[in-house]
Protein backbone atom coordinates (compact mmCIF):
# COMPACT_ATOMS: atom_id res chain seq x y z
CA MET A 1 27.35 -36.30 -39.99
CA PRO A 2 29.53 -33.28 -40.97
CA SER A 3 28.30 -30.83 -43.55
CA GLU A 4 30.40 -29.48 -46.47
CA SER A 5 31.94 -26.95 -43.87
CA GLY A 6 33.14 -29.92 -41.89
CA PHE A 7 30.86 -29.29 -38.90
CA GLY A 8 27.75 -31.19 -38.12
CA ALA A 9 24.69 -30.35 -35.95
CA SER A 10 26.30 -32.05 -32.93
CA ASP A 11 29.38 -29.72 -33.28
CA GLY A 12 27.12 -26.68 -32.68
CA ILE A 13 25.64 -28.31 -29.61
CA LEU A 14 29.20 -29.00 -28.23
CA LEU A 15 30.28 -25.44 -29.21
CA GLY A 16 27.39 -24.06 -27.30
CA PHE A 17 28.15 -26.24 -24.27
CA PHE A 18 31.84 -25.08 -24.17
CA LEU A 19 31.07 -21.40 -24.74
CA GLY A 20 28.13 -21.41 -22.29
CA GLY A 21 27.86 -17.94 -20.81
CA ALA A 22 29.87 -16.48 -23.66
CA MET A 23 26.81 -16.55 -25.82
CA ASP A 24 25.04 -14.22 -23.32
CA ILE A 25 27.79 -11.66 -23.48
CA VAL A 26 27.29 -8.94 -26.22
CA GLN A 27 30.43 -8.17 -28.30
CA LEU A 28 30.66 -4.46 -28.57
CA GLY A 29 32.94 -3.10 -31.40
CA SER A 30 35.25 -0.09 -31.00
CA ALA A 31 33.22 2.05 -33.23
CA GLU A 32 30.05 1.29 -31.24
CA LEU A 33 31.80 2.06 -27.97
CA LYS A 34 33.08 5.32 -29.43
CA ALA A 35 29.53 6.20 -30.50
CA TRP A 36 28.30 5.41 -26.87
CA MET A 37 30.97 7.84 -25.61
CA ASP A 38 30.10 10.60 -28.15
CA GLU A 39 26.43 10.22 -27.26
CA GLY A 40 27.13 10.56 -23.56
CA ARG A 41 25.49 7.24 -22.93
CA MET A 42 25.73 6.04 -19.29
CA PHE A 43 27.73 2.94 -18.77
CA CYS A 44 30.70 1.64 -16.75
CA LEU A 45 33.93 0.78 -18.57
CA LEU A 46 35.81 -1.94 -16.73
CA ASP A 47 39.50 -2.40 -17.46
CA VAL A 48 40.62 -5.84 -16.21
CA ARG A 49 44.24 -5.66 -17.33
CA THR A 50 47.28 -5.62 -15.05
CA ASP A 51 48.72 -2.50 -13.50
CA GLU A 52 51.71 -2.82 -15.89
CA GLU A 53 49.30 -2.82 -18.83
CA THR A 54 47.35 0.20 -17.72
CA ALA A 55 50.64 2.14 -17.42
CA VAL A 56 51.15 1.81 -21.14
CA CYS A 57 47.71 2.98 -22.19
CA SER A 58 44.05 3.02 -21.08
CA LEU A 59 40.60 4.36 -22.00
CA PRO A 60 39.26 7.51 -20.32
CA ASN A 61 37.10 7.16 -17.27
CA ALA A 62 37.65 3.33 -16.98
CA LEU A 63 37.41 1.62 -13.65
CA HIS A 64 40.54 -0.49 -13.30
CA ILE A 65 40.22 -3.81 -11.38
CA PRO A 66 42.68 -6.46 -12.53
CA MET A 67 41.00 -9.71 -13.57
CA ASN A 68 42.35 -11.68 -10.65
CA LEU A 69 40.82 -9.14 -8.17
CA ILE A 70 37.35 -9.20 -9.57
CA PRO A 71 35.99 -11.89 -7.09
CA LEU A 72 37.24 -9.70 -4.21
CA ARG A 73 36.09 -6.42 -5.58
CA GLN A 74 32.97 -7.11 -7.68
CA ASN A 75 30.91 -5.24 -5.08
CA GLU A 76 32.54 -1.99 -6.53
CA LEU A 77 30.78 -2.59 -9.91
CA PRO A 78 27.50 -0.71 -10.61
CA ASP A 79 24.56 -2.94 -11.48
CA ASP A 80 22.37 -0.20 -12.73
CA VAL A 81 24.09 0.73 -15.97
CA PRO A 82 25.65 -1.31 -18.80
CA LEU A 83 29.07 -2.78 -17.96
CA VAL A 84 31.64 -2.77 -20.78
CA VAL A 85 34.61 -5.00 -19.88
CA TYR A 86 37.91 -4.70 -21.78
CA CYS A 87 41.48 -6.16 -21.72
CA HIS A 88 44.23 -6.21 -24.24
CA HIS A 89 42.61 -8.41 -26.97
CA GLY A 90 39.20 -9.28 -25.44
CA ILE A 91 39.84 -12.71 -24.20
CA ARG A 92 40.34 -12.00 -20.48
CA SER A 93 37.57 -9.52 -20.50
CA LEU A 94 35.18 -12.16 -22.02
CA HIS A 95 36.04 -14.51 -19.27
CA THR A 96 35.50 -11.84 -16.69
CA ALA A 97 32.15 -10.96 -18.20
CA MET A 98 31.16 -14.58 -18.12
CA TYR A 99 32.14 -14.80 -14.44
CA LEU A 100 30.13 -11.61 -13.71
CA ALA A 101 27.07 -13.09 -15.50
CA ASP A 102 27.32 -16.24 -13.42
CA ALA A 103 27.56 -13.84 -10.29
CA GLY A 104 24.21 -12.31 -11.36
CA PHE A 105 25.35 -9.26 -13.25
CA GLU A 106 23.28 -8.35 -16.37
CA ASN A 107 23.73 -5.89 -19.23
CA LEU A 108 27.29 -7.05 -19.90
CA TYR A 109 29.41 -6.22 -22.95
CA ASN A 110 32.76 -7.33 -24.01
CA LEU A 111 34.96 -4.91 -26.01
CA GLN A 112 35.66 -6.97 -29.08
CA GLY A 113 39.39 -6.97 -29.83
CA GLY A 114 40.12 -5.13 -26.54
CA ILE A 115 42.18 -2.01 -26.27
CA ASP A 116 44.38 -3.14 -29.12
CA ALA A 117 41.45 -2.98 -31.55
CA TRP A 118 40.55 0.38 -30.16
CA ALA A 119 44.07 1.71 -30.71
CA ALA A 120 43.96 0.26 -34.31
CA GLU A 121 40.50 1.51 -35.22
CA ILE A 122 39.74 4.61 -33.12
CA ASP A 123 42.93 6.24 -31.63
CA GLY A 124 46.04 5.78 -33.82
CA ASN A 125 47.99 7.90 -31.28
CA MET A 126 47.43 5.29 -28.51
CA MET A 127 50.55 3.37 -27.59
CA ARG A 128 50.18 -0.26 -28.45
CA TYR A 129 51.97 -3.22 -26.93
C-alpha cells in the first residue's frame, strides 16, 4: 500500500533490486574530492569520458580510460587505493563503478554530478560543455 509520499514498502524493494550494485558505490561530492586532493590523500582518479570530452576539460592527474574500453583495460587500474570514477554528470561513471564492483574492485567512489559539478562548485574557470 502506498504511503502519503506515494511509495510503498514494495517500491523500496524494487528500487533496491534495480539499483543493485549502485547502493554499494559511495557518492563523493566535489568538495570532498577537493579536500582529498588538498590533504594529499592517495587515490586514483578515473575519467571515463570520451577523448572529445577530455579535450574540453579534465581534472589533474586523472587516468583516462573511456567507458567503452574499461573491460579491455581494467587491468591498468590499481586495486590498492580508492578509485574515484568520474564522467560529465556522474551517470556513466556510476555504471562504470558498478561494473568494476561486479569485477571484484572495492573501495569505489563516484564523483557526484561529474566534472560539471566540479566546474560549478570548485573551479569556476574550468570550461563547461
